[in-house]
Protein backbone atom coordinates (compact mmCIF):
# COMPACT_ATOMS: atom_id res chain seq x y z
CA MET A 1 -36.22 42.02 72.85
CA LYS A 2 -35.36 43.50 69.46
CA LYS A 3 -31.65 43.47 70.35
CA LYS A 4 -31.85 39.78 71.27
CA MET A 5 -33.65 39.02 68.01
CA LYS A 6 -31.02 40.89 66.00
CA LYS A 7 -28.23 39.01 67.78
CA ARG A 8 -29.99 35.68 67.10
CA ILE A 9 -30.43 36.52 63.39
CA SER A 10 -26.81 37.65 63.19
CA LEU A 11 -25.66 34.41 64.81
CA ILE A 12 -27.77 32.29 62.46
CA SER A 13 -26.46 34.21 59.44
CA THR A 14 -22.89 33.66 60.60
CA LEU A 15 -23.47 29.94 61.10
CA VAL A 16 -25.08 29.64 57.68
CA LEU A 17 -22.15 31.46 56.10
CA VAL A 18 -19.58 29.25 57.85
CA GLY A 19 -21.53 26.17 56.88
CA ALA A 20 -21.65 27.28 53.29
CA LEU A 21 -17.90 27.84 53.29
CA LEU A 22 -17.27 24.41 54.79
CA VAL A 23 -19.56 22.76 52.27
CA GLY A 24 -17.82 24.66 49.51
CA CYS A 25 -14.42 23.47 50.67
CA GLY A 26 -15.70 19.97 51.09
CA ASN A 27 -17.20 19.99 47.62
CA SER A 28 -13.97 21.31 46.19
CA GLY A 29 -12.04 18.33 47.49
CA GLY A 30 -14.92 15.98 46.80
CA ASN A 31 -15.27 17.13 43.21
CA LYS A 32 -11.68 16.25 42.55
CA GLY A 33 -12.39 12.70 43.56
CA ASN A 34 -15.67 12.62 41.68
CA ASN A 35 -14.09 14.09 38.57
CA ALA A 36 -11.32 11.55 38.75
CA ALA A 37 -13.87 8.77 38.96
CA THR A 38 -15.83 10.27 36.10
CA ASN A 39 -12.71 10.68 34.00
CA THR A 40 -11.74 7.08 34.72
CA ALA A 41 -15.14 5.92 33.61
CA ASP A 42 -14.84 8.07 30.51
CA ALA A 43 -11.44 6.57 29.79
CA ASP A 44 -12.91 3.10 30.05
CA THR A 45 -16.08 3.65 28.07
CA GLY A 46 -15.22 6.66 25.95
CA ALA A 47 -16.62 10.09 26.79
CA TRP A 48 -18.23 10.35 23.38
CA GLU A 49 -21.49 8.51 22.80
CA PHE A 50 -22.69 7.93 19.25
CA GLU A 51 -26.29 9.02 18.87
CA ARG A 52 -27.12 7.87 15.35
CA ARG A 53 -25.89 5.48 12.70
CA ILE A 54 -22.34 5.76 11.44
CA GLU A 55 -21.10 5.18 7.90
CA ILE A 56 -17.81 3.52 6.97
CA ILE A 57 -16.55 4.07 3.43
CA CYS A 58 -14.97 1.05 1.73
CA PRO A 59 -12.90 2.16 -1.29
CA TRP A 60 -13.14 -1.29 -2.88
CA GLY A 61 -15.98 -3.39 -4.24
CA ALA A 62 -18.22 -5.85 -2.44
CA GLY A 63 -16.84 -9.33 -1.87
CA GLY A 64 -13.14 -8.46 -1.83
CA GLY A 65 -10.75 -8.75 1.09
CA ALA A 66 -11.30 -5.18 2.30
CA ASP A 67 -15.07 -5.40 2.04
CA THR A 68 -15.24 -8.78 3.78
CA THR A 69 -12.99 -7.58 6.59
CA LEU A 70 -15.07 -4.46 7.07
CA ARG A 71 -18.43 -6.24 7.10
CA THR A 72 -17.22 -8.78 9.65
CA PHE A 73 -15.83 -5.99 11.82
CA ALA A 74 -18.96 -3.83 11.43
CA SER A 75 -21.27 -6.56 12.73
CA GLU A 76 -19.23 -6.71 15.95
CA LEU A 77 -18.76 -2.93 16.15
CA GLU A 78 -22.52 -2.36 16.17
CA LYS A 79 -22.75 -4.33 19.41
CA GLU A 80 -20.21 -2.03 21.05
CA LEU A 81 -21.52 1.31 19.77
CA ASN A 82 -25.22 0.44 20.02
CA VAL A 83 -25.92 2.22 16.73
CA PRO A 84 -26.21 0.85 13.17
CA VAL A 85 -23.01 0.69 11.10
CA VAL A 86 -23.57 1.17 7.37
CA ILE A 87 -21.00 0.15 4.72
CA ASN A 88 -20.73 2.39 1.66
CA ASN A 89 -18.63 0.92 -1.18
CA LYS A 90 -17.03 3.70 -3.24
CA GLU A 91 -14.64 1.84 -5.51
CA GLY A 92 -12.34 3.10 -8.24
CA ALA A 93 -8.78 4.23 -8.96
CA GLY A 94 -7.19 1.62 -6.70
CA GLY A 95 -9.05 2.90 -3.66
CA VAL A 96 -8.37 6.60 -4.23
CA THR A 97 -11.96 7.36 -5.28
CA GLY A 98 -13.30 6.20 -1.93
CA VAL A 99 -10.65 8.06 0.04
CA ASP A 100 -11.34 11.25 -1.90
CA PHE A 101 -15.04 10.91 -1.10
CA ALA A 102 -14.39 10.24 2.58
CA ILE A 103 -12.11 13.22 3.21
CA LYS A 104 -14.79 15.57 1.85
CA GLN A 105 -17.32 14.49 4.49
CA PRO A 106 -17.94 16.37 7.76
CA ALA A 107 -15.43 15.58 10.52
CA ASP A 108 -18.23 14.90 13.00
CA GLY A 109 -17.54 11.28 13.91
CA TYR A 110 -20.28 9.80 11.78
CA THR A 111 -18.25 9.08 8.63
CA TRP A 112 -15.20 6.81 8.76
CA LEU A 113 -12.95 5.16 6.20
CA LEU A 114 -11.47 1.71 5.84
CA SER A 115 -8.22 1.79 3.93
CA THR A 116 -4.87 0.11 3.31
CA GLN A 117 -1.51 1.45 2.17
CA SER A 118 -2.51 1.29 -1.53
CA PRO A 119 -4.20 4.72 -1.83
CA MET A 120 -1.31 6.25 0.11
CA LEU A 121 1.11 4.56 -2.29
CA ALA A 122 -0.74 6.11 -5.24
CA GLU A 123 -0.04 9.50 -3.70
CA ILE A 124 3.60 8.65 -3.02
CA THR A 125 4.21 7.55 -6.61
CA GLY A 126 2.48 10.60 -8.06
CA VAL A 127 -0.41 8.67 -9.58
CA THR A 128 -2.90 10.88 -7.71
CA ASP A 129 -2.85 14.34 -6.20
CA VAL A 130 -5.50 13.42 -3.63
CA PRO A 131 -3.90 14.18 -0.22
CA VAL A 132 -4.44 10.68 1.16
CA TYR A 133 -1.76 10.77 3.84
CA GLU A 134 -2.32 14.36 4.92
CA LYS A 135 -6.11 14.35 5.22
CA THR A 136 -6.73 11.07 7.05
CA ILE A 137 -6.07 10.06 10.65
CA PRO A 138 -5.23 6.43 11.52
CA VAL A 139 -7.63 5.26 14.24
CA SER A 140 -7.58 1.46 14.60
CA ARG A 141 -5.66 -1.15 12.61
CA LEU A 142 -7.81 -4.27 12.27
CA VAL A 143 -5.77 -6.89 10.38
CA HIS A 144 -2.45 -7.13 8.56
CA ASP A 145 -2.47 -9.48 5.59
CA VAL A 146 0.35 -10.84 3.43
CA ASN A 147 0.66 -11.13 -0.34
CA ILE A 148 1.49 -14.37 -2.13
CA ILE A 149 2.72 -15.11 -5.65
CA ILE A 150 0.67 -17.79 -7.40
CA ALA A 151 0.86 -19.74 -10.66
CA GLY A 152 -1.30 -22.33 -12.41
CA LYS A 153 -1.01 -25.96 -11.38
CA ASN A 154 0.73 -26.79 -14.68
CA SER A 155 3.26 -23.99 -14.34
CA PRO A 156 6.86 -25.11 -14.95
CA TYR A 157 7.97 -23.21 -11.84
CA GLN A 158 7.81 -24.96 -8.48
CA ASN A 159 9.02 -22.08 -6.36
CA LEU A 160 10.20 -18.48 -6.51
CA GLU A 161 13.85 -19.41 -7.01
CA GLU A 162 13.04 -21.23 -10.25
CA LEU A 163 10.88 -18.35 -11.43
CA LEU A 164 13.59 -15.80 -10.65
CA ALA A 165 16.16 -17.83 -12.59
CA TYR A 166 13.89 -17.85 -15.64
CA VAL A 167 13.11 -14.15 -15.36
CA GLU A 168 16.79 -13.31 -15.11
CA GLU A 169 17.49 -15.09 -18.40
CA ASN A 170 14.28 -13.94 -20.09
CA PRO A 171 13.48 -10.38 -18.99
CA GLY A 172 10.08 -9.19 -20.21
CA ALA A 173 8.81 -12.68 -21.01
CA ILE A 174 6.64 -12.94 -17.89
CA LYS A 175 3.62 -10.85 -16.93
CA ALA A 176 2.19 -10.68 -13.41
CA GLY A 177 -1.47 -10.07 -12.68
CA CYS A 178 -2.50 -7.71 -9.91
CA MET A 179 -5.62 -5.81 -8.94
CA SER A 180 -3.81 -2.48 -8.90
CA ILE A 181 -0.52 -1.59 -10.53
CA THR A 182 -0.26 1.41 -8.23
CA GLY A 183 -1.13 -0.61 -5.13
CA LEU A 184 0.78 -2.98 -2.87
CA ASP A 185 0.42 -5.92 -5.26
CA GLY A 186 1.99 -3.85 -8.03
CA ALA A 187 4.69 -2.78 -5.57
CA ILE A 188 5.47 -6.43 -4.79
CA VAL A 189 6.02 -7.13 -8.49
CA LYS A 190 8.53 -4.29 -8.68
CA LEU A 191 10.32 -5.20 -5.45
CA VAL A 192 10.67 -8.89 -6.33
CA PHE A 193 11.34 -8.71 -10.06
CA GLY A 194 12.44 -5.15 -10.76
CA ASP A 195 11.69 -4.18 -14.36
CA LYS A 196 12.00 -7.72 -15.67
CA VAL A 197 8.31 -8.57 -15.10
CA GLU A 198 5.45 -6.40 -16.32
CA PRO A 199 2.46 -5.96 -13.98
CA VAL A 200 -0.96 -6.28 -15.62
CA ALA A 201 -4.00 -4.77 -13.89
CA TYR A 202 -7.29 -6.65 -13.58
CA SER A 203 -10.63 -5.17 -12.60
CA GLU A 204 -11.99 -8.50 -11.35
CA GLY A 205 -10.16 -11.01 -9.19
CA ALA A 206 -12.24 -13.90 -10.52
CA GLN A 207 -11.04 -13.25 -14.07
CA MET A 208 -7.43 -12.96 -12.96
CA ASN A 209 -7.64 -16.25 -11.09
CA ALA A 210 -9.26 -17.92 -14.10
CA ASP A 211 -6.43 -16.70 -16.34
CA VAL A 212 -3.85 -18.07 -13.91
CA MET A 213 -5.59 -21.45 -13.75
CA GLY A 214 -5.90 -21.58 -17.54
CA GLY A 215 -2.25 -20.77 -18.08
CA HIS A 216 -3.03 -17.49 -19.86
CA LEU A 217 -1.38 -15.50 -17.07
CA PRO A 218 1.94 -16.89 -15.79
CA ILE A 219 1.75 -15.48 -12.25
CA ALA A 220 -0.31 -13.17 -10.05
CA VAL A 221 0.04 -11.39 -6.71
CA VAL A 222 -2.94 -11.91 -4.40
CA GLY A 223 -3.93 -12.30 -0.76
CA PRO A 224 -4.19 -15.87 0.59
CA ALA A 225 -7.85 -15.55 1.58
CA GLU A 226 -8.82 -14.62 -1.97
CA VAL A 227 -7.56 -17.91 -3.43
CA MET A 228 -7.56 -20.31 -0.47
CA GLY A 229 -10.20 -22.51 -2.08
CA LEU A 230 -8.10 -22.79 -5.24
CA ILE A 231 -5.02 -23.64 -3.19
CA GLN A 232 -6.90 -26.36 -1.34
CA SER A 233 -8.27 -27.81 -4.58
CA GLU A 234 -4.75 -27.63 -6.09
CA ASP A 235 -5.96 -25.62 -9.08
CA ILE A 236 -3.13 -23.19 -8.40
CA LYS A 237 0.20 -23.40 -6.62
CA VAL A 238 1.87 -20.86 -4.41
CA LEU A 239 5.42 -19.97 -5.41
CA ALA A 240 6.18 -17.57 -2.58
CA VAL A 241 4.83 -15.82 0.49
CA CYS A 242 5.85 -12.17 0.65
CA ALA A 243 6.73 -12.06 4.33
CA GLU A 244 9.68 -12.03 6.70
CA GLU A 245 9.01 -15.61 7.82
CA ARG A 246 7.10 -18.63 6.59
CA LEU A 247 3.45 -18.85 7.53
CA THR A 248 2.10 -21.52 9.85
CA THR A 249 -1.16 -22.26 8.04
CA GLU A 250 -1.39 -25.84 6.84
CA GLU A 251 -1.71 -24.89 3.18
CA LEU A 252 1.26 -22.48 3.17
CA LYS A 253 3.69 -23.69 5.82
CA ASP A 254 6.02 -25.32 3.25
CA VAL A 255 6.09 -22.36 0.86
CA GLN A 256 9.22 -20.22 0.55
CA CYS A 257 9.03 -16.69 1.90
CA THR A 258 10.82 -13.72 0.40
CA GLY A 259 12.61 -13.11 3.69
CA GLU A 260 14.55 -16.37 3.55
CA LEU A 261 15.63 -15.55 0.00
CA GLY A 262 16.95 -12.16 1.04
CA ILE A 263 14.31 -10.26 -0.92
CA ASP A 264 12.98 -7.19 0.89
CA ALA A 265 9.38 -7.51 -0.29
CA PHE A 266 7.09 -7.83 2.71
CA TYR A 267 4.27 -5.40 2.01
CA GLY A 268 0.79 -6.72 2.64
CA PRO A 269 -2.48 -4.85 3.05
CA ALA A 270 -3.00 -3.56 6.58
CA ARG A 271 -6.72 -2.86 6.77
CA GLY A 272 -7.69 -0.25 9.29
CA ILE A 273 -10.12 2.51 10.13
CA PHE A 274 -9.33 6.17 9.47
CA ALA A 275 -11.00 9.40 10.52
CA VAL A 276 -11.40 12.56 8.50
CA GLU A 277 -8.90 15.29 9.35
CA GLY A 278 -10.39 17.50 12.05
CA THR A 279 -12.35 14.78 13.83
CA PRO A 280 -12.31 15.54 17.60
CA GLN A 281 -9.91 13.45 19.66
CA GLU A 282 -12.63 12.29 22.07
CA VAL A 283 -14.56 10.86 19.12
CA ILE A 284 -11.49 9.03 17.84
CA ASP A 285 -10.77 7.62 21.30
CA ALA A 286 -14.35 6.40 21.70
CA PHE A 287 -14.32 4.67 18.32
CA ASP A 288 -10.94 3.07 18.97
CA ALA A 289 -12.11 1.74 22.35
CA ALA A 290 -15.09 0.10 20.65
CA ALA A 291 -12.92 -1.23 17.80
CA LYS A 292 -10.54 -2.87 20.27
CA LYS A 293 -13.45 -4.80 21.79
CA ALA A 294 -14.91 -5.68 18.40
CA VAL A 295 -11.74 -7.34 17.06
CA ALA A 296 -11.29 -9.20 20.36
CA THR A 297 -14.61 -11.03 20.03
CA GLU A 298 -14.56 -14.75 19.33
CA GLU A 299 -16.60 -14.15 16.19
CA PHE A 300 -14.05 -11.80 14.66
CA LYS A 301 -11.02 -13.80 15.78
CA SER A 302 -12.49 -17.02 14.41
CA TRP A 303 -13.20 -15.38 11.08
CA ALA A 304 -9.69 -13.89 10.90
CA ALA A 305 -8.11 -17.29 11.56
CA SER A 306 -10.22 -18.89 8.84
CA GLN A 307 -8.88 -16.31 6.37
CA GLY A 308 -5.24 -16.71 7.39
CA LEU A 309 -5.32 -13.25 8.95
CA ASP A 310 -3.88 -14.46 12.24
CA GLN A 311 -0.33 -14.81 10.88
CA ARG A 312 0.69 -11.24 11.66
CA PRO A 313 -0.26 -9.02 14.59
CA GLY A 314 -3.49 -7.29 13.63
CA TYR A 315 -5.01 -4.71 15.94
CA LEU A 316 -3.11 -1.55 16.77
CA ASN A 317 -4.59 1.22 18.89
CA HIS A 318 -4.77 4.81 17.74
CA GLU A 319 -1.36 5.95 18.97
CA ASP A 320 0.51 2.84 17.82
CA TYR A 321 -1.27 2.90 14.47
CA LYS A 322 -0.26 6.52 13.90
CA THR A 323 3.37 5.63 14.56
CA TRP A 324 3.24 2.52 12.35
CA TRP A 325 1.47 4.42 9.56
CA ALA A 326 4.12 7.16 9.52
CA GLU A 327 6.87 4.54 9.35
CA GLU A 328 5.06 2.73 6.53
CA TYR A 329 4.73 5.99 4.64
CA GLU A 330 8.45 6.70 4.91
CA GLY A 331 9.35 3.13 3.96
CA LEU A 332 7.15 3.13 0.86
CA LYS A 333 8.39 6.57 -0.14
CA GLU A 334 11.99 5.40 0.09
CA ALA A 335 11.36 2.14 -1.78
CA LEU A 336 8.93 3.27 -4.46
CA GLY A 337 8.64 7.05 -4.41
CA SER A 338 8.77 8.87 -7.72
């Protein structure tokens, strides 16, 4: 009886062991499929989930083009991340102050930066020793604006060709207003006019526009959205669009572009989101996935069109933005490096 019981227990143990091995093998193959499905889901939704509010640093003041872009984007981004998005304006030094603040924050995915090429240009030209290019990671490009050259409605110049002819004969007689001599608007002045026109920095766009309208400032370099109301009211005129081709917006479609005049001056602010160096890749990927959805909403696209920000391709994903940013860095260094 005992022998039979031992045989029965031995048989049961063997069957249990075989079953366990079969289950183990089955789970091994099954886990591959399950992991693949999980990874696919993670690729679609982003493996990282934000658990608390995030902060995005804006290196320029409230109400400007960068700030307005960021606030419009943030309202859509909140819907995708399901956490509050807080804007922190840290202006100063042509955007460098805000970048310097951002790169000193923890690389934990809860502090981000909106920037353009201007702070990077300040580093390239030796104006700042803040490592803008080295310490930030391009994540998502949102919009790519153009610059325009404006004059008062009573200006004697009707287009850029007439202005260039005058400048050639009268070097130093014209001054050009810009919000940052070390930024892209200052770069446009140099690329279009060389040393024959002196850039003058303004701390407030409203004052610069008023000086242009009053004839106290001959010309200025601005973004279309910042002066669209003045263009529509004909208080100012646009002498040139700094782009490869003419724009299609009703107010600017008949304005000369620098490209058709053979002037290589196309730089316009590309506003995008950056991460602090050291931010985990899964966090960057999750943010970029949400950003892609945010800029694709009807609300954001409608706003962008109303600001003339639909004239150039806007959104770039993380990998494409990194490539574009590196090319922009090399181009600016070659054109304007000290």
